[in-house]
Amino acid sequence: MRIAIIALGSRGDVQPYIALGKGLKKSGHVIRFVTHQNFEELVNLHGLESCSVEGSVQDIAQSKEMQGHIEKGNFLSVMSQMKKEAMQGAINLAKVGISACKDMNLIIAGIGGLFAGITLAEKLEIPFLQAYYIPFTPTKAFPSFLFPKLPFRYGGFLNRFTYSIARQIIWQGYRSADNLARRQVLGLPPVSFFGPYKSHRFNQNPVLYGFSSSVIPKPYDWDNNIHITGYWLLDHEDNWTPPSELIEFIKSGNPPIYVGFGSMSSRKPEETADIILNAIAKTKQRAIMLSGWGGLKKTNLPDTVFMVDSIPISWLFPRVAAAIHHGGAGTTAESLKAGIPSIVIPFFGDQFFWGKRVAELGIGPEPISRKKLTTERLVQAIQEVVTNQTMHQSASNLGAKIRAEDGVASAVAVIQKLEPN
């Protein structure tokens, strides 16, 4: 088949789909990858054809306005800012997308490319397949990722209803932009006020979930058309060589703790770094800090801390004792695969969901929201992860289960059943 994959967002949002695309290409399919231009090099590096959309989520994330919204930890506030940024982006995506998808047999997208994918599939009259790395299909088993603190005792109907709310929050954030692109670029009528969720094209094919059933068991009310395949993880590039100074640091003492917040930007990166460094010093640990998209910044570091601008965490995580991170889906998946405990510092969105899940699995303490992060709270969390042997064993056992899975191969097997005879 000729398959277009639409994946937008941060690197953690895009990487699972690159891994899926590589697996599909290896199985003989022609893959065309639609993403923002700042990921073009990454896509090409992994042997996939890239169709680049002008713009960068990193530029948006690092704006003062967005940093302020992220620091508030309010998903509605973030979506409101994204809505302002989405109008021209939707036009660019539609123009690139119609060209990229015109000779395809199938379009695959998750939340980041969902509405554009459905619209393009409608325009070109080709099938569409949902592929997510976080639960998006309604269930009574647990609440939506936007409502992770909902008490489970209410359960049932209320849990399921939270998915309707979450779907509407996401759709209303993109509705104006999506309909603008439909009208100006694609010549299509506007979508219903409530979104495309009940359309035939949205529901015509299986739904894929790129996480492990050992992390989130399949809900009892999901039918056989919904597949939890295992994680879609991207191995680090074979030609990547770690800096010799980093190797020397890792070998020079006890395994360090990883600290990094990925794509999460902060208006006060040095303040965040000070909290981290004070906690590391008080607990007498060593650390490797990832600067990321402006999340951490500090000069004159002690000998016990090594700062890097970027590094493949798939290589690093098996070499550290634990990870302190924001709870992004990709970072969480890599920490789970490596079999190490995590201290999750969520900023907004699904990060709270993954932080809570880490704690429920017994492989990390309760998450500490970025707004409530203090040196004292972080010291307590670090002491727990370095001394709790049960936690380490649970993380190790879960990591072994995840490493035994092949989520990409399982997803490819489902997709290949859609191929016309």
Foldseek 3Di string as FASTA:
>chain_A
DEEEEEFEDAPLRCFLVLLLQLLLVVVPYQYEYEYAPVCCVVSVLSPHHYQHFYDHNLVVQADPCNQVVLQVQDVLSNLLSVLVVQQVSLQSSLVSVLVRPLPGQEYEYELRCVLVRLLSCVLNVHAYEYEEAADLQFDQQAAHLQPRVPDCVVTGPVRRVNSLVVQLSSCVSCQVNSQSNCVPPRNHHGDDNSDCCPPCRNPVAAYEHAADCVLPPDGPPDDPSYDDQAHSHDDDDPPDDDDPVVVCLLPVDPFAEEEEAASRAHPCQDVVQVLVLLLCVVLVGAYEYECHSHNHDDPPHDSRYHYDPDDPVLVVLLSHQEYEYAQRSSVLRSNLLSLHAYAHAHRYGSSQVRQCSSVVLLQFNRHHYPNRRGSVVSNVRVVCRVPPVVNSVSSNVSNVVSVVGDSSVRVSVRVVVPDDD
